Amino acid sequence: MDYESVRVVDRPTAISIAGVSPRTWDRLEARGETPPKTRLSPNRTGYRLADLKAWLDARRMGEAPQTKSTESLNSA
C-alpha cells in the first residue's frame, strides 16, 4: 500500500501546499472549489495528499516548461 497517497494533512498544511492565503482558501471552500475533506474523528478533518495533488493538477495552466533533460528525451 502506498501510504503517501492516503496521508491526511491538516488545513494549515493543505493551505501551505496549495500556496494560497487562508482567506483565499476560505473563498474557494465556500464555492466548493477545494479538494474534499476527510473526516478523521468527530472534531477533526483533513485533506488527503492525493486529493490535493489531483486538485492542483486540475488547476494547472499550460504545459510544463521544457528542460534540457526533457528536450533530449523528446528529440531521441
N, C-alpha and C. Protein backbone atom coordinates (compact mmCIF):
# COMPACT_ATOMS: atom_id res chain seq x y z
N MET A 1 0.85 -1.18 0.00
CA MET A 1 0.00 0.00 0.00
C MET A 1 0.89 1.25 0.00
N ASP A 2 0.53 2.23 -0.80
CA ASP A 2 1.25 3.49 -0.86
C ASP A 2 0.67 4.43 0.20
N TYR A 3 1.33 4.51 1.34
CA TYR A 3 0.80 5.31 2.44
C TYR A 3 0.81 6.79 2.13
N GLU A 4 1.71 7.25 1.27
CA GLU A 4 1.76 8.67 0.93
C GLU A 4 0.48 9.11 0.23
N SER A 5 -0.14 8.23 -0.55
CA SER A 5 -1.36 8.61 -1.27
C SER A 5 -2.56 8.76 -0.34
N VAL A 6 -2.54 8.12 0.82
CA VAL A 6 -3.66 8.23 1.76
C VAL A 6 -3.32 9.09 2.96
N ARG A 7 -2.13 9.66 2.99
CA ARG A 7 -1.75 10.52 4.10
C ARG A 7 -2.67 11.74 4.13
N VAL A 8 -3.09 12.11 5.33
CA VAL A 8 -4.00 13.24 5.51
C VAL A 8 -3.25 14.36 6.23
N VAL A 9 -3.40 15.58 5.72
CA VAL A 9 -2.77 16.74 6.34
C VAL A 9 -3.85 17.68 6.86
N ASP A 10 -3.49 18.48 7.85
CA ASP A 10 -4.45 19.43 8.42
C ASP A 10 -4.65 20.63 7.49
N ARG A 11 -5.61 21.46 7.83
CA ARG A 11 -5.97 22.60 6.99
C ARG A 11 -4.81 23.56 6.75
N PRO A 12 -4.07 23.98 7.80
CA PRO A 12 -2.95 24.89 7.54
C PRO A 12 -1.90 24.30 6.59
N THR A 13 -1.66 23.01 6.70
CA THR A 13 -0.70 22.36 5.81
C THR A 13 -1.24 22.31 4.39
N ALA A 14 -2.53 22.01 4.24
CA ALA A 14 -3.15 21.98 2.91
C ALA A 14 -3.07 23.35 2.25
N ILE A 15 -3.33 24.40 3.02
CA ILE A 15 -3.26 25.76 2.50
C ILE A 15 -1.84 26.08 2.06
N SER A 16 -0.87 25.67 2.86
CA SER A 16 0.53 25.90 2.52
C SER A 16 0.93 25.17 1.25
N ILE A 17 0.51 23.92 1.12
CA ILE A 17 0.80 23.13 -0.08
C ILE A 17 0.17 23.79 -1.31
N ALA A 18 -1.05 24.29 -1.15
CA ALA A 18 -1.75 24.93 -2.27
C ALA A 18 -1.13 26.27 -2.63
N GLY A 19 -0.44 26.89 -1.69
CA GLY A 19 0.21 28.16 -1.96
C GLY A 19 -0.74 29.33 -2.03
N VAL A 20 -1.82 29.26 -1.26
CA VAL A 20 -2.78 30.36 -1.21
C VAL A 20 -2.90 30.85 0.23
N SER A 21 -3.53 32.00 0.39
CA SER A 21 -3.75 32.53 1.74
C SER A 21 -4.94 31.82 2.37
N PRO A 22 -5.03 31.86 3.70
CA PRO A 22 -6.20 31.27 4.36
C PRO A 22 -7.51 31.90 3.87
N ARG A 23 -7.53 33.20 3.61
CA ARG A 23 -8.75 33.86 3.12
C ARG A 23 -9.13 33.35 1.73
N THR A 24 -8.14 33.18 0.86
CA THR A 24 -8.42 32.64 -0.48
C THR A 24 -8.95 31.22 -0.36
N TRP A 25 -8.36 30.43 0.53
CA TRP A 25 -8.84 29.05 0.74
C TRP A 25 -10.30 29.07 1.20
N ASP A 26 -10.62 30.00 2.13
CA ASP A 26 -12.00 30.12 2.62
C ASP A 26 -12.96 30.43 1.47
N ARG A 27 -12.57 31.34 0.59
CA ARG A 27 -13.43 31.68 -0.56
C ARG A 27 -13.59 30.49 -1.49
N LEU A 28 -12.49 29.79 -1.78
CA LEU A 28 -12.57 28.61 -2.63
C LEU A 28 -13.47 27.55 -1.99
N GLU A 29 -13.32 27.36 -0.70
CA GLU A 29 -14.12 26.36 0.02
C GLU A 29 -15.60 26.73 0.00
N ALA A 30 -15.90 28.01 0.15
CA ALA A 30 -17.30 28.46 0.13
C ALA A 30 -17.94 28.20 -1.23
N ARG A 31 -17.13 28.23 -2.29
CA ARG A 31 -17.64 27.95 -3.64
C ARG A 31 -17.56 26.47 -4.00
N GLY A 32 -17.08 25.65 -3.07
CA GLY A 32 -16.97 24.22 -3.33
C GLY A 32 -15.84 23.87 -4.27
N GLU A 33 -14.78 24.69 -4.27
CA GLU A 33 -13.68 24.51 -5.21
C GLU A 33 -12.39 23.99 -4.57
N THR A 34 -12.48 23.44 -3.38
CA THR A 34 -11.30 22.85 -2.74
C THR A 34 -11.42 21.33 -2.81
N PRO A 35 -10.33 20.63 -2.54
CA PRO A 35 -10.41 19.16 -2.51
C PRO A 35 -11.37 18.72 -1.41
N PRO A 36 -11.90 17.52 -1.52
CA PRO A 36 -12.81 17.03 -0.47
C PRO A 36 -12.09 16.84 0.86
N LYS A 37 -12.82 17.09 1.93
CA LYS A 37 -12.28 16.86 3.27
C LYS A 37 -12.39 15.38 3.62
N THR A 38 -11.53 14.95 4.52
CA THR A 38 -11.59 13.60 5.06
C THR A 38 -11.81 13.71 6.56
N ARG A 39 -12.88 13.11 7.04
CA ARG A 39 -13.17 13.16 8.47
C ARG A 39 -12.33 12.11 9.19
N LEU A 40 -11.53 12.58 10.14
CA LEU A 40 -10.67 11.68 10.90
C LEU A 40 -11.30 11.29 12.23
N SER A 41 -12.09 12.20 12.78
CA SER A 41 -12.82 11.95 14.02
C SER A 41 -13.96 12.96 14.06
N PRO A 42 -14.83 12.90 15.05
CA PRO A 42 -15.95 13.85 15.06
C PRO A 42 -15.53 15.33 15.02
N ASN A 43 -14.37 15.64 15.55
CA ASN A 43 -13.93 17.04 15.61
C ASN A 43 -12.68 17.33 14.78
N ARG A 44 -12.29 16.41 13.93
CA ARG A 44 -11.05 16.61 13.17
C ARG A 44 -11.24 16.18 11.72
N THR A 45 -10.90 17.10 10.82
CA THR A 45 -10.91 16.80 9.39
C THR A 45 -9.57 17.19 8.80
N GLY A 46 -9.30 16.67 7.63
CA GLY A 46 -8.06 16.99 6.93
C GLY A 46 -8.25 16.77 5.45
N TYR A 47 -7.15 16.84 4.72
CA TYR A 47 -7.17 16.68 3.27
C TYR A 47 -6.13 15.64 2.88
N ARG A 48 -6.55 14.67 2.05
CA ARG A 48 -5.61 13.65 1.57
C ARG A 48 -4.62 14.29 0.60
N LEU A 49 -3.36 13.93 0.73
CA LEU A 49 -2.34 14.46 -0.17
C LEU A 49 -2.66 14.12 -1.62
N ALA A 50 -3.18 12.93 -1.86
CA ALA A 50 -3.53 12.55 -3.24
C ALA A 50 -4.61 13.46 -3.80
N ASP A 51 -5.58 13.84 -2.97
CA ASP A 51 -6.64 14.75 -3.42
C ASP A 51 -6.09 16.15 -3.68
N LEU A 52 -5.17 16.61 -2.81
CA LEU A 52 -4.54 17.91 -3.03
C LEU A 52 -3.75 17.93 -4.34
N LYS A 53 -3.00 16.86 -4.59
CA LYS A 53 -2.21 16.79 -5.82
C LYS A 53 -3.13 16.79 -7.04
N ALA A 54 -4.19 16.00 -7.01
CA ALA A 54 -5.13 15.96 -8.13
C ALA A 54 -5.78 17.33 -8.34
N TRP A 55 -6.13 18.00 -7.25
CA TRP A 55 -6.73 19.33 -7.32
C TRP A 55 -5.77 20.32 -7.96
N LEU A 56 -4.51 20.29 -7.51
CA LEU A 56 -3.51 21.19 -8.10
C LEU A 56 -3.27 20.87 -9.57
N ASP A 57 -3.19 19.59 -9.91
CA ASP A 57 -3.00 19.19 -11.31
C ASP A 57 -4.15 19.69 -12.18
N ALA A 58 -5.38 19.62 -11.67
CA ALA A 58 -6.55 20.05 -12.44
C ALA A 58 -6.56 21.56 -12.65
N ARG A 59 -5.91 22.31 -11.76
CA ARG A 59 -5.89 23.76 -11.87
C ARG A 59 -4.68 24.27 -12.65
N ARG A 60 -3.87 23.37 -13.12
CA ARG A 60 -2.65 23.74 -13.84
C ARG A 60 -2.98 24.43 -15.16
N MET A 61 -2.20 25.43 -15.49
CA MET A 61 -2.40 26.18 -16.73
C MET A 61 -1.22 25.93 -17.66
N GLY A 62 -1.50 25.52 -18.88
CA GLY A 62 -0.44 25.33 -19.86
C GLY A 62 0.39 24.09 -19.62
N GLU A 63 1.41 23.95 -20.44
CA GLU A 63 2.30 22.80 -20.35
C GLU A 63 3.49 23.13 -19.45
N ALA A 64 4.11 22.11 -18.92
CA ALA A 64 5.31 22.30 -18.13
C ALA A 64 6.43 22.78 -19.05
N PRO A 65 7.28 23.68 -18.58
CA PRO A 65 8.37 24.15 -19.44
C PRO A 65 9.35 23.03 -19.75
N GLN A 66 9.91 23.08 -20.94
CA GLN A 66 10.89 22.09 -21.36
C GLN A 66 12.21 22.36 -20.63
N THR A 67 12.82 21.30 -20.15
CA THR A 67 14.16 21.41 -19.56
C THR A 67 15.12 20.68 -20.47
N LYS A 68 16.39 20.86 -20.24
CA LYS A 68 17.39 20.19 -21.09
C LYS A 68 17.19 18.68 -21.07
N SER A 69 16.87 18.11 -19.91
CA SER A 69 16.71 16.65 -19.84
C SER A 69 15.48 16.19 -20.61
N THR A 70 14.38 16.95 -20.56
CA THR A 70 13.19 16.54 -21.32
C THR A 70 13.34 16.85 -22.81
N GLU A 71 14.11 17.89 -23.15
CA GLU A 71 14.34 18.20 -24.57
C GLU A 71 15.12 17.06 -25.22
N SER A 72 16.12 16.52 -24.50
CA SER A 72 16.91 15.44 -25.08
C SER A 72 16.07 14.17 -25.21
N LEU A 73 15.15 13.93 -24.29
CA LEU A 73 14.27 12.77 -24.39
C LEU A 73 13.32 12.90 -25.57
N ASN A 74 12.80 14.11 -25.79
CA ASN A 74 11.85 14.33 -26.88
C ASN A 74 12.50 14.25 -28.24
N SER A 75 13.78 14.57 -28.35
CA SER A 75 14.45 14.55 -29.65
C SER A 75 14.99 13.17 -29.99
N ALA A 76 14.99 12.25 -29.04
CA ALA A 76 15.53 10.90 -29.28
C ALA A 76 14.56 10.03 -30.03
